[in-house]
Amino acid sequence: MLCTLTPAIVKLFGRYPPDELFDDYFNRIEDIIWNLTAQIIKTGVDVIIDNGFWSKEQRAQAMFRAKEITNDVIFHSVECDMETAKARVLARTDMNENELGIDENAFELFRPRFQPICESEGYKIIVHKTG
């Protein structure tokens, strides 16, 4: 089962939630997703949480929460060059009204926050390279 945060944020708070409220909205939805994840895993179904986990800190927090539910935790890393990533994000925003509205300025604002996952973090990682 795939659990994705952004459609829930959009459904409840709109495509362009106010900057000053975004973290609160994100955290509320994330808590719901984690609770749902625990319930689903207890039924024997695998769950993928599509959250991005952009920073080492986010991944460490996710691992901590996941380990409270199961010991079978795998990170999947979808890798491509940054220009391809930007083009995909902008296209997704244009084509799908269930996605957060991310324009080029927003992409560039958040880009420095991205820390690619690496083996030194000590997690089981499956890498998916895309073009």
Foldseek 3Di string as FASTA:
>chain_A
DEAEQQLVLCVVQNQEHDPVCVVVSSVVSVVVSLVVQLVVVVVVDDYDYPDPLFDLVSVVVVQVSVVVRPPDDEAEAEDDDPVVVLVVVCVCLVPDRSGRNADPVNCVVCVVSGDDDDCVSVGHYHYHYDD
